[in-house]
Amino acid sequence: METDDEPHQIPISNELDLHTFRPSEIGELLPEYFMECQRLGIRGVRVIHGKGTGALREGVHSLLRRLPEVAEFHYPAAEGGWGATWVILKPPAPLTPPAPGSTADPTDG
């Protein structure tokens, strides 16, 4: 039985509907979702936040301005109008190989 505190899997695509998430989850959800999109080669994501009072949209936009993986975003989205924002992600950063002669393990973090 799944509780509200347990993470749940969501399919990764070029569309993320935030209606099923609490506003408090967005700060963690968006960066993780965008990282997976980058890993899968998805560069554009339509984030559906709904029209409502605009509080969720403003929270999403504020977060998008701070996320390093976001190249740009457009509101309203061409598809989804005032209830969605189109996000363009930067390409994923290339893995940097260790310097010649280095004994550092690149998987150590």
PDB file of N, CA and C in Angstrom:
ATOM      1  N   MET A   1       0.839  -1.178   0.000  1.00  0.00           N
ATOM      2  CA  MET A   1       0.000   0.000   0.000  1.00  0.00           C
ATOM      3  C   MET A   1       0.888   1.247   0.000  1.00  0.00           C
ATOM      4  N   GLU A   2       0.621   2.166  -0.906  1.00  0.00           N
ATOM      5  CA  GLU A   2       1.424   3.375  -1.035  1.00  0.00           C
ATOM      6  C   GLU A   2       0.842   4.479  -0.155  1.00  0.00           C
ATOM      7  N   THR A   3       1.734   5.181   0.568  1.00  0.00           N
ATOM      8  CA  THR A   3       1.292   6.311   1.374  1.00  0.00           C
ATOM      9  C   THR A   3       1.670   7.602   0.667  1.00  0.00           C
ATOM     10  N   ASP A   4       1.169   8.713   1.175  1.00  0.00           N
ATOM     11  CA  ASP A   4       1.466  10.012   0.581  1.00  0.00           C
ATOM     12  C   ASP A   4       2.940  10.361   0.670  1.00  0.00           C
ATOM     13  N   ASP A   5       3.667   9.787   1.633  1.00  0.00           N
ATOM     14  CA  ASP A   5       5.075  10.101   1.814  1.00  0.00           C
ATOM     15  C   ASP A   5       5.987   9.312   0.891  1.00  0.00           C
ATOM     16  N   GLU A   6       5.479   8.247   0.285  1.00  0.00           N
ATOM     17  CA  GLU A   6       6.304   7.424  -0.589  1.00  0.00           C
ATOM     18  C   GLU A   6       6.371   8.038  -1.978  1.00  0.00           C
ATOM     19  N   PRO A   7       7.579   8.032  -2.588  1.00  0.00           N
ATOM     20  CA  PRO A   7       7.675   8.559  -3.955  1.00  0.00           C
ATOM     21  C   PRO A   7       6.914   7.660  -4.919  1.00  0.00           C
ATOM     22  N   HIS A   8       6.363   8.259  -5.950  1.00  0.00           N
ATOM     23  CA  HIS A   8       5.682   7.456  -6.952  1.00  0.00           C
ATOM     24  C   HIS A   8       6.303   7.748  -8.307  1.00  0.00           C
ATOM     25  N   GLN A   9       6.346   6.733  -9.143  1.00  0.00           N
ATOM     26  CA  GLN A   9       6.943   6.839 -10.468  1.00  0.00           C
ATOM     27  C   GLN A   9       5.990   7.581 -11.400  1.00  0.00           C
ATOM     28  N   ILE A  10       6.541   8.486 -12.167  1.00  0.00           N
ATOM     29  CA  ILE A  10       5.751   9.149 -13.204  1.00  0.00           C
ATOM     30  C   ILE A  10       6.487   8.959 -14.520  1.00  0.00           C
ATOM     31  N   PRO A  11       5.744   8.769 -15.591  1.00  0.00           N
ATOM     32  CA  PRO A  11       6.409   8.585 -16.879  1.00  0.00           C
ATOM     33  C   PRO A  11       7.077   9.890 -17.309  1.00  0.00           C
ATOM     34  N   ILE A  12       8.258   9.770 -17.893  1.00  0.00           N
ATOM     35  CA  ILE A  12       9.000  10.934 -18.359  1.00  0.00           C
ATOM     36  C   ILE A  12       8.663  11.165 -19.824  1.00  0.00           C
ATOM     37  N   SER A  13       8.123  12.344 -20.120  1.00  0.00           N
ATOM     38  CA  SER A  13       7.780  12.704 -21.500  1.00  0.00           C
ATOM     39  C   SER A  13       7.993  14.209 -21.655  1.00  0.00           C
ATOM     40  N   ASN A  14       7.564  14.743 -22.781  1.00  0.00           N
ATOM     41  CA  ASN A  14       7.718  16.182 -22.997  1.00  0.00           C
ATOM     42  C   ASN A  14       6.547  16.977 -22.408  1.00  0.00           C
ATOM     43  N   GLU A  15       5.806  16.340 -21.501  1.00  0.00           N
ATOM     44  CA  GLU A  15       4.690  17.016 -20.844  1.00  0.00           C
ATOM     45  C   GLU A  15       4.629  16.591 -19.384  1.00  0.00           C
ATOM     46  N   LEU A  16       4.540  17.600 -18.506  1.00  0.00           N
ATOM     47  CA  LEU A  16       4.433  17.337 -17.075  1.00  0.00           C
ATOM     48  C   LEU A  16       3.213  18.080 -16.542  1.00  0.00           C
ATOM     49  N   ASP A  17       2.227  17.329 -16.094  1.00  0.00           N
ATOM     50  CA  ASP A  17       1.000  17.909 -15.554  1.00  0.00           C
ATOM     51  C   ASP A  17       1.134  17.998 -14.035  1.00  0.00           C
ATOM     52  N   LEU A  18       1.158  19.201 -13.518  1.00  0.00           N
ATOM     53  CA  LEU A  18       1.369  19.410 -12.084  1.00  0.00           C
ATOM     54  C   LEU A  18       0.099  19.289 -11.256  1.00  0.00           C
ATOM     55  N   HIS A  19      -1.046  19.049 -11.885  1.00  0.00           N
ATOM     56  CA  HIS A  19      -2.310  18.975 -11.154  1.00  0.00           C
ATOM     57  C   HIS A  19      -2.326  17.874 -10.099  1.00  0.00           C
ATOM     58  N   THR A  20      -1.532  16.836 -10.277  1.00  0.00           N
ATOM     59  CA  THR A  20      -1.549  15.724  -9.323  1.00  0.00           C
ATOM     60  C   THR A  20      -0.524  15.889  -8.203  1.00  0.00           C
ATOM     61  N   PHE A  21       0.176  17.022  -8.181  1.00  0.00           N
ATOM     62  CA  PHE A  21       1.217  17.239  -7.179  1.00  0.00           C
ATOM     63  C   PHE A  21       0.846  18.392  -6.265  1.00  0.00           C
ATOM     64  N   ARG A  22       1.334  18.313  -5.026  1.00  0.00           N
ATOM     65  CA  ARG A  22       1.154  19.417  -4.085  1.00  0.00           C
ATOM     66  C   ARG A  22       2.165  20.510  -4.425  1.00  0.00           C
ATOM     67  N   PRO A  23       1.818  21.774  -4.222  1.00  0.00           N
ATOM     68  CA  PRO A  23       2.780  22.860  -4.490  1.00  0.00           C
ATOM     69  C   PRO A  23       4.105  22.676  -3.763  1.00  0.00           C
ATOM     70  N   SER A  24       4.077  22.092  -2.582  1.00  0.00           N
ATOM     71  CA  SER A  24       5.315  21.881  -1.818  1.00  0.00           C
ATOM     72  C   SER A  24       6.255  20.877  -2.491  1.00  0.00           C
ATOM     73  N   GLU A  25       5.739  20.085  -3.428  1.00  0.00           N
ATOM     74  CA  GLU A  25       6.562  19.081  -4.112  1.00  0.00           C
ATOM     75  C   GLU A  25       7.279  19.622  -5.345  1.00  0.00           C
ATOM     76  N   ILE A  26       6.860  20.780  -5.832  1.00  0.00           N
ATOM     77  CA  ILE A  26       7.350  21.298  -7.109  1.00  0.00           C
ATOM     78  C   ILE A  26       8.849  21.589  -7.074  1.00  0.00           C
ATOM     79  N   GLY A  27       9.345  22.124  -5.962  1.00  0.00           N
ATOM     80  CA  GLY A  27      10.761  22.481  -5.844  1.00  0.00           C
ATOM     81  C   GLY A  27      11.693  21.308  -6.023  1.00  0.00           C
ATOM     82  N   GLU A  28      11.253  20.139  -5.648  1.00  0.00           N
ATOM     83  CA  GLU A  28      12.052  18.928  -5.812  1.00  0.00           C
ATOM     84  C   GLU A  28      11.726  18.232  -7.132  1.00  0.00           C
ATOM     85  N   LEU A  29      10.465  18.274  -7.506  1.00  0.00           N
ATOM     86  CA  LEU A  29      10.000  17.564  -8.696  1.00  0.00           C
ATOM     87  C   LEU A  29      10.610  18.114  -9.987  1.00  0.00           C
ATOM     88  N   LEU A  30      10.514  19.424 -10.197  1.00  0.00           N
ATOM     89  CA  LEU A  30      10.957  19.986 -11.476  1.00  0.00           C
ATOM     90  C   LEU A  30      12.427  19.706 -11.781  1.00  0.00           C
ATOM     91  N   PRO A  31      13.360  19.976 -10.866  1.00  0.00           N
ATOM     92  CA  PRO A  31      14.762  19.687 -11.202  1.00  0.00           C
ATOM     93  C   PRO A  31      15.005  18.207 -11.517  1.00  0.00           C
ATOM     94  N   GLU A  32      14.388  17.320 -10.754  1.00  0.00           N
ATOM     95  CA  GLU A  32      14.566  15.885 -10.994  1.00  0.00           C
ATOM     96  C   GLU A  32      13.959  15.476 -12.331  1.00  0.00           C
ATOM     97  N   TYR A  33      12.784  16.006 -12.629  1.00  0.00           N
ATOM     98  CA  TYR A  33      12.109  15.683 -13.889  1.00  0.00           C
ATOM     99  C   TYR A  33      12.931  16.186 -15.069  1.00  0.00           C
ATOM    100  N   PHE A  34      13.413  17.428 -14.984  1.00  0.00           N
ATOM    101  CA  PHE A  34      14.206  17.998 -16.069  1.00  0.00           C
ATOM    102  C   PHE A  34      15.519  17.244 -16.254  1.00  0.00           C
ATOM    103  N   MET A  35      16.128  16.781 -15.173  1.00  0.00           N
ATOM    104  CA  MET A  35      17.362  16.012 -15.274  1.00  0.00           C
ATOM    105  C   MET A  35      17.109  14.707 -16.040  1.00  0.00           C
ATOM    106  N   GLU A  36      15.991  14.063 -15.753  1.00  0.00           N
ATOM    107  CA  GLU A  36      15.641  12.836 -16.477  1.00  0.00           C
ATOM    108  C   GLU A  36      15.342  13.133 -17.943  1.00  0.00           C
ATOM    109  N   CYS A  37      14.667  14.249 -18.203  1.00  0.00           N
ATOM    110  CA  CYS A  37      14.394  14.641 -19.590  1.00  0.00           C
ATOM    111  C   CYS A  37      15.708  14.833 -20.344  1.00  0.00           C
ATOM    112  N   GLN A  38      16.648  15.536 -19.743  1.00  0.00           N
ATOM    113  CA  GLN A  38      17.949  15.746 -20.377  1.00  0.00           C
ATOM    114  C   GLN A  38      18.627  14.401 -20.654  1.00  0.00           C
ATOM    115  N   ARG A  39      18.583  13.517 -19.670  1.00  0.00           N
ATOM    116  CA  ARG A  39      19.217  12.201 -19.829  1.00  0.00           C
ATOM    117  C   ARG A  39      18.613  11.435 -21.000  1.00  0.00           C
ATOM    118  N   LEU A  40      17.296  11.606 -21.217  1.00  0.00           N
ATOM    119  CA  LEU A  40      16.594  10.905 -22.290  1.00  0.00           C
ATOM    120  C   LEU A  40      16.620  11.665 -23.618  1.00  0.00           C
ATOM    121  N   GLY A  41      17.235  12.849 -23.620  1.00  0.00           N
ATOM    122  CA  GLY A  41      17.323  13.627 -24.855  1.00  0.00           C
ATOM    123  C   GLY A  41      16.104  14.494 -25.131  1.00  0.00           C
ATOM    124  N   ILE A  42      15.249  14.694 -24.130  1.00  0.00           N
ATOM    125  CA  ILE A  42      14.072  15.550 -24.280  1.00  0.00           C
ATOM    126  C   ILE A  42      14.495  16.973 -23.949  1.00  0.00           C
ATOM    127  N   ARG A  43      14.383  17.884 -24.920  1.00  0.00           N
ATOM    128  CA  ARG A  43      14.860  19.261 -24.716  1.00  0.00           C
ATOM    129  C   ARG A  43      13.737  20.258 -24.484  1.00  0.00           C
ATOM    130  N   GLY A  44      12.495  19.895 -24.792  1.00  0.00           N
ATOM    131  CA  GLY A  44      11.365  20.792 -24.584  1.00  0.00           C
ATOM    132  C   GLY A  44      10.296  20.101 -23.762  1.00  0.00           C
ATOM    133  N   VAL A  45       9.798  20.796 -22.736  1.00  0.00           N
ATOM    134  CA  VAL A  45       8.788  20.219 -21.843  1.00  0.00           C
ATOM    135  C   VAL A  45       7.672  21.232 -21.645  1.00  0.00           C
ATOM    136  N   ARG A  46       6.452  20.767 -21.864  1.00  0.00           N
ATOM    137  CA  ARG A  46       5.283  21.600 -21.564  1.00  0.00           C
ATOM    138  C   ARG A  46       4.878  21.306 -20.130  1.00  0.00           C
ATOM    139  N   VAL A  47       5.011  22.307 -19.267  1.00  0.00           N
ATOM    140  CA  VAL A  47       4.649  22.174 -17.858  1.00  0.00           C
ATOM    141  C   VAL A  47       3.239  22.740 -17.694  1.00  0.00           C
ATOM    142  N   ILE A  48       2.310  21.873 -17.323  1.00  0.00           N
ATOM    143  CA  ILE A  48       0.909  22.268 -17.162  1.00  0.00           C
ATOM    144  C   ILE A  48       0.676  22.604 -15.694  1.00  0.00           C
ATOM    145  N   HIS A  49       0.432  23.872 -15.422  1.00  0.00           N
ATOM    146  CA  HIS A  49       0.211  24.331 -14.052  1.00  0.00           C
ATOM    147  C   HIS A  49      -1.218  24.782 -13.832  1.00  0.00           C
ATOM    148  N   GLY A  50      -1.987  24.904 -14.898  1.00  0.00           N
ATOM    149  CA  GLY A  50      -3.371  25.349 -14.787  1.00  0.00           C
ATOM    150  C   GLY A  50      -3.464  26.866 -14.694  1.00  0.00           C
ATOM    151  N   LYS A  51      -4.671  27.365 -14.829  1.00  0.00           N
ATOM    152  CA  LYS A  51      -4.891  28.812 -14.791  1.00  0.00           C
ATOM    153  C   LYS A  51      -5.092  29.273 -13.358  1.00  0.00           C
ATOM    154  N   GLY A  52      -6.098  28.785 -12.711  1.00  0.00           N
ATOM    155  CA  GLY A  52      -6.365  29.071 -11.296  1.00  0.00           C
ATOM    156  C   GLY A  52      -6.082  30.500 -10.884  1.00  0.00           C
ATOM    157  N   THR A  53      -5.518  30.660  -9.686  1.00  0.00           N
ATOM    158  CA  THR A  53      -5.215  31.992  -9.154  1.00  0.00           C
ATOM    159  C   THR A  53      -3.889  32.520  -9.678  1.00  0.00           C
ATOM    160  N   GLY A  54      -3.093  31.651 -10.268  1.00  0.00           N
ATOM    161  CA  GLY A  54      -1.782  32.055 -10.765  1.00  0.00           C
ATOM    162  C   GLY A  54      -0.668  31.813  -9.770  1.00  0.00           C
ATOM    163  N   ALA A  55      -1.000  31.378  -8.554  1.00  0.00           N
ATOM    164  CA  ALA A  55       0.027  31.164  -7.533  1.00  0.00           C
ATOM    165  C   ALA A  55       0.979  30.038  -7.938  1.00  0.00           C
ATOM    166  N   LEU A  56       0.444  28.940  -8.429  1.00  0.00           N
ATOM    167  CA  LEU A  56       1.299  27.825  -8.843  1.00  0.00           C
ATOM    168  C   LEU A  56       2.150  28.240 -10.035  1.00  0.00           C
ATOM    169  N   ARG A  57       1.556  28.919 -11.006  1.00  0.00           N
ATOM    170  CA  ARG A  57       2.307  29.390 -12.173  1.00  0.00           C
ATOM    171  C   ARG A  57       3.473  30.281 -11.742  1.00  0.00           C
ATOM    172  N   GLU A  58       3.201  31.224 -10.838  1.00  0.00           N
ATOM    173  CA  GLU A  58       4.266  32.121 -10.374  1.00  0.00           C
ATOM    174  C   GLU A  58       5.367  31.346  -9.645  1.00  0.00           C
ATOM    175  N   GLY A  59       4.964  30.353  -8.854  1.00  0.00           N
ATOM    176  CA  GLY A  59       5.961  29.520  -8.180  1.00  0.00           C
ATOM    177  C   GLY A  59       6.814  28.750  -9.174  1.00  0.00           C
ATOM    178  N   VAL A  60       6.170  28.215 -10.204  1.00  0.00           N
ATOM    179  CA  VAL A  60       6.889  27.479 -11.247  1.00  0.00           C
ATOM    180  C   VAL A  60       7.841  28.423 -11.972  1.00  0.00           C
ATOM    181  N   HIS A  61       7.367  29.593 -12.365  1.00  0.00           N
ATOM    182  CA  HIS A  61       8.215  30.543 -13.096  1.00  0.00           C
ATOM    183  C   HIS A  61       9.393  31.010 -12.254  1.00  0.00           C
ATOM    184  N   SER A  62       9.161  31.245 -10.984  1.00  0.00           N
ATOM    185  CA  SER A  62      10.238  31.650 -10.084  1.00  0.00           C
ATOM    186  C   SER A  62      11.322  30.569 -10.017  1.00  0.00           C
ATOM    187  N   LEU A  63      10.887  29.321  -9.931  1.00  0.00           N
ATOM    188  CA  LEU A  63      11.829  28.208  -9.896  1.00  0.00           C
ATOM    189  C   LEU A  63      12.563  28.058 -11.227  1.00  0.00           C
ATOM    190  N   LEU A  64      11.836  28.192 -12.339  1.00  0.00           N
ATOM    191  CA  LEU A  64      12.467  28.065 -13.658  1.00  0.00           C
ATOM    192  C   LEU A  64      13.577  29.094 -13.850  1.00  0.00           C
ATOM    193  N   ARG A  65      13.397  30.293 -13.313  1.00  0.00           N
ATOM    194  CA  ARG A  65      14.425  31.346 -13.435  1.00  0.00           C
ATOM    195  C   ARG A  65      15.715  30.963 -12.718  1.00  0.00           C
ATOM    196  N   ARG A  66      15.627  30.095 -11.712  1.00  0.00           N
ATOM    197  CA  ARG A  66      16.796  29.729 -10.904  1.00  0.00           C
ATOM    198  C   ARG A  66      17.454  28.418 -11.315  1.00  0.00           C
ATOM    199  N   LEU A  67      16.766  27.593 -12.089  1.00  0.00           N
ATOM    200  CA  LEU A  67      17.307  26.273 -12.417  1.00  0.00           C
ATOM    201  C   LEU A  67      18.364  26.373 -13.515  1.00  0.00           C
ATOM    202  N   PRO A  68      19.560  25.872 -13.269  1.00  0.00           N
ATOM    203  CA  PRO A  68      20.629  25.978 -14.263  1.00  0.00           C
ATOM    204  C   PRO A  68      20.375  25.167 -15.528  1.00  0.00           C
ATOM    205  N   GLU A  69      19.533  24.147 -15.455  1.00  0.00           N
ATOM    206  CA  GLU A  69      19.272  23.324 -16.636  1.00  0.00           C
ATOM    207  C   GLU A  69      18.251  23.945 -17.587  1.00  0.00           C
ATOM    208  N   VAL A  70      17.603  25.030 -17.180  1.00  0.00           N
ATOM    209  CA  VAL A  70      16.599  25.698 -18.014  1.00  0.00           C
ATOM    210  C   VAL A  70      17.278  26.757 -18.872  1.00  0.00           C
ATOM    211  N   ALA A  71      17.186  26.602 -20.195  1.00  0.00           N
ATOM    212  CA  ALA A  71      17.743  27.585 -21.119  1.00  0.00           C
ATOM    213  C   ALA A  71      16.798  28.774 -21.239  1.00  0.00           C
ATOM    214  N   GLU A  72      15.494  28.500 -21.361  1.00  0.00           N
ATOM    215  CA  GLU A  72      14.482  29.547 -21.496  1.00  0.00           C
ATOM    216  C   GLU A  72      13.113  28.936 -21.263  1.00  0.00           C
ATOM    217  N   PHE A  73      12.136  29.810 -21.031  1.00  0.00           N
ATOM    218  CA  PHE A  73      10.758  29.325 -20.945  1.00  0.00           C
ATOM    219  C   PHE A  73       9.832  30.377 -21.527  1.00  0.00           C
ATOM    220  N   HIS A  74       8.690  29.892 -22.021  1.00  0.00           N
ATOM    221  CA  HIS A  74       7.732  30.747 -22.712  1.00  0.00           C
ATOM    222  C   HIS A  74       6.343  30.558 -22.117  1.00  0.00           C
ATOM    223  N   TYR A  75       5.728  31.680 -21.775  1.00  0.00           N
ATOM    224  CA  TYR A  75       4.388  31.665 -21.218  1.00  0.00           C
ATOM    225  C   TYR A  75       3.574  32.735 -21.928  1.00  0.00           C
ATOM    226  N   PRO A  76       2.363  32.445 -22.367  1.00  0.00           N
ATOM    227  CA  PRO A  76       1.716  31.130 -22.333  1.00  0.00           C
ATOM    228  C   PRO A  76       2.306  30.206 -23.390  1.00  0.00           C
ATOM    229  N   ALA A  77       2.192  28.923 -23.150  1.00  0.00           N
ATOM    230  CA  ALA A  77       2.675  27.927 -24.106  1.00  0.00           C
ATOM    231  C   ALA A  77       1.783  27.960 -25.339  1.00  0.00           C
ATOM    232  N   ALA A  78       2.377  27.690 -26.498  1.00  0.00           N
ATOM    233  CA  ALA A  78       1.602  27.652 -27.738  1.00  0.00           C
ATOM    234  C   ALA A  78       0.463  26.644 -27.626  1.00  0.00           C
ATOM    235  N   GLU A  79       0.742  25.507 -27.020  1.00  0.00           N
ATOM    236  CA  GLU A  79      -0.291  24.503 -26.761  1.00  0.00           C
ATOM    237  C   GLU A  79      -0.531  24.472 -25.261  1.00  0.00           C
ATOM    238  N   GLY A  80      -1.710  24.787 -24.848  1.00  0.00           N
ATOM    239  CA  GLY A  80      -2.031  24.807 -23.434  1.00  0.00           C
ATOM    240  C   GLY A  80      -2.344  26.211 -22.947  1.00  0.00           C
ATOM    241  N   GLY A  81      -2.045  27.198 -23.789  1.00  0.00           N
ATOM    242  CA  GLY A  81      -2.403  28.574 -23.485  1.00  0.00           C
ATOM    243  C   GLY A  81      -1.950  29.042 -22.121  1.00  0.00           C
ATOM    244  N   TRP A  82      -2.830  29.738 -21.426  1.00  0.00           N
ATOM    245  CA  TRP A  82      -2.521  30.351 -20.140  1.00  0.00           C
ATOM    246  C   TRP A  82      -2.318  29.335 -19.024  1.00  0.00           C
ATOM    247  N   GLY A  83      -2.662  28.084 -19.265  1.00  0.00           N
ATOM    248  CA  GLY A  83      -2.516  27.061 -18.233  1.00  0.00           C
ATOM    249  C   GLY A  83      -1.236  26.262 -18.324  1.00  0.00           C
ATOM    250  N   ALA A  84      -0.318  26.667 -19.219  1.00  0.00           N
ATOM    251  CA  ALA A  84       0.917  25.896 -19.389  1.00  0.00           C
ATOM    252  C   ALA A  84       2.075  26.814 -19.752  1.00  0.00           C
ATOM    253  N   THR A  85       3.272  26.350 -19.458  1.00  0.00           N
ATOM    254  CA  THR A  85       4.511  27.050 -19.796  1.00  0.00           C
ATOM    255  C   THR A  85       5.398  26.073 -20.556  1.00  0.00           C
ATOM    256  N   TRP A  86       5.969  26.542 -21.657  1.00  0.00           N
ATOM    257  CA  TRP A  86       6.875  25.723 -22.466  1.00  0.00           C
ATOM    258  C   TRP A  86       8.294  25.982 -21.984  1.00  0.00           C
ATOM    259  N   VAL A  87       9.005  24.915 -21.612  1.00  0.00           N
ATOM    260  CA  VAL A  87      10.354  25.023 -21.058  1.00  0.00           C
ATOM    261  C   VAL A  87      11.342  24.398 -22.032  1.00  0.00           C
ATOM    262  N   ILE A  88      12.401  25.146 -22.351  1.00  0.00           N
ATOM    263  CA  ILE A  88      13.488  24.641 -23.186  1.00  0.00           C
ATOM    264  C   ILE A  88      14.664  24.351 -22.267  1.00  0.00           C
ATOM    265  N   LEU A  89      15.130  23.117 -22.311  1.00  0.00           N
ATOM    266  CA  LEU A  89      16.241  22.693 -21.461  1.00  0.00           C
ATOM    267  C   LEU A  89      17.564  22.817 -22.196  1.00  0.00           C
ATOM    268  N   LYS A  90      18.609  23.082 -21.440  1.00  0.00           N
ATOM    269  CA  LYS A  90      19.952  23.080 -22.002  1.00  0.00           C
ATOM    270  C   LYS A  90      20.337  21.640 -22.289  1.00  0.00           C
ATOM    271  N   PRO A  91      21.256  21.427 -23.234  1.00  0.00           N
ATOM    272  CA  PRO A  91      21.732  20.060 -23.421  1.00  0.00           C
ATOM    273  C   PRO A  91      22.452  19.613 -22.148  1.00  0.00           C
ATOM    274  N   PRO A  92      22.434  18.330 -21.867  1.00  0.00           N
ATOM    275  CA  PRO A  92      23.125  17.871 -20.653  1.00  0.00           C
ATOM    276  C   PRO A  92      24.619  18.166 -20.755  1.00  0.00           C
ATOM    277  N   ALA A  93      25.213  18.471 -19.622  1.00  0.00           N
ATOM    278  CA  ALA A  93      26.648  18.742 -19.588  1.00  0.00           C
ATOM    279  C   ALA A  93      27.395  17.456 -19.920  1.00  0.00           C
ATOM    280  N   PRO A  94      28.432  17.556 -20.771  1.00  0.00           N
ATOM    281  CA  PRO A  94      29.198  16.348 -21.087  1.00  0.00           C
ATOM    282  C   PRO A  94      29.971  15.886 -19.858  1.00  0.00           C
ATOM    283  N   LEU A  95      30.146  14.590 -19.776  1.00  0.00           N
ATOM    284  CA  LEU A  95      30.945  14.041 -18.688  1.00  0.00           C
ATOM    285  C   LEU A  95      32.395  14.404 -18.940  1.00  0.00           C
ATOM    286  N   THR A  96      33.060  14.929 -17.932  1.00  0.00           N
ATOM    287  CA  THR A  96      34.455  15.324 -18.070  1.00  0.00           C
ATOM    288  C   THR A  96      35.334  14.156 -17.654  1.00  0.00           C
ATOM    289  N   PRO A  97      36.191  13.695 -18.576  1.00  0.00           N
ATOM    290  CA  PRO A  97      37.077  12.589 -18.194  1.00  0.00           C
ATOM    291  C   PRO A  97      38.125  13.083 -17.206  1.00  0.00           C
ATOM    292  N   PRO A  98      38.663  12.185 -16.394  1.00  0.00           N
ATOM    293  CA  PRO A  98      39.686  12.602 -15.434  1.00  0.00           C
ATOM    294  C   PRO A  98      40.936  13.075 -16.184  1.00  0.00           C
ATOM    295  N   ALA A  99      41.662  13.970 -15.566  1.00  0.00           N
ATOM    296  CA  ALA A  99      42.901  14.481 -16.157  1.00  0.00           C
ATOM    297  C   ALA A  99      43.898  13.332 -16.282  1.00  0.00           C
ATOM    298  N   PRO A 100      44.745  13.382 -17.326  1.00  0.00           N
ATOM    299  CA  PRO A 100      45.763  12.325 -17.488  1.00  0.00           C
ATOM    300  C   PRO A 100      46.600  12.216 -16.212  1.00  0.00           C
ATOM    301  N   GLY A 101      46.804  10.984 -15.778  1.00  0.00           N
ATOM    302  CA  GLY A 101      47.605  10.742 -14.583  1.00  0.00           C
ATOM    303  C   GLY A 101      46.821  10.875 -13.294  1.00  0.00           C
ATOM    304  N   SER A 102      45.551  11.270 -13.381  1.00  0.00           N
ATOM    305  CA  SER A 102      44.746  11.441 -12.180  1.00  0.00           C
ATOM    306  C   SER A 102      44.290  10.074 -11.695  1.00  0.00           C
ATOM    307  N   THR A 103      44.245   9.908 -10.387  1.00  0.00           N
ATOM    308  CA  THR A 103      43.761   8.648  -9.811  1.00  0.00           C
ATOM    309  C   THR A 103      42.352   8.792  -9.281  1.00  0.00           C
ATOM    310  N   ALA A 104      41.774   9.986  -9.493  1.00  0.00           N
ATOM    311  CA  ALA A 104      40.415  10.225  -8.987  1.00  0.00           C
ATOM    312  C   ALA A 104      39.419   9.374  -9.748  1.00  0.00           C
ATOM    313  N   ASP A 105      38.472   8.837  -9.026  1.00  0.00           N
ATOM    314  CA  ASP A 105      37.396   8.059  -9.611  1.00  0.00           C
ATOM    315  C   ASP A 105      36.286   9.027  -9.984  1.00  0.00           C
ATOM    316  N   PRO A 106      35.924   9.156 -11.303  1.00  0.00           N
ATOM    317  CA  PRO A 106      34.903  10.128 -11.695  1.00  0.00           C
ATOM    318  C   PRO A 106      33.526   9.843 -11.112  1.00  0.00           C
ATOM    319  N   THR A 107      33.309   8.636 -10.594  1.00  0.00           N
ATOM    320  CA  THR A 107      32.009   8.320 -10.011  1.00  0.00           C
ATOM    321  C   THR A 107      31.940   8.713  -8.544  1.00  0.00           C
ATOM    322  N   ASP A 108      33.084   9.070  -7.932  1.00  0.00           N
ATOM    323  CA  ASP A 108      33.048   9.548  -6.548  1.00  0.00           C
ATOM    324  C   ASP A 108      32.411  10.919  -6.521  1.00  0.00           C
ATOM    325  N   GLY A 109      31.557  11.172  -5.585  1.00  0.00           N
ATOM    326  CA  GLY A 109      30.888  12.463  -5.572  1.00  0.00           C
ATOM    327  C   GLY A 109      31.033  13.103  -4.303  1.00  0.00           C
TER     328      GLY A 109
END
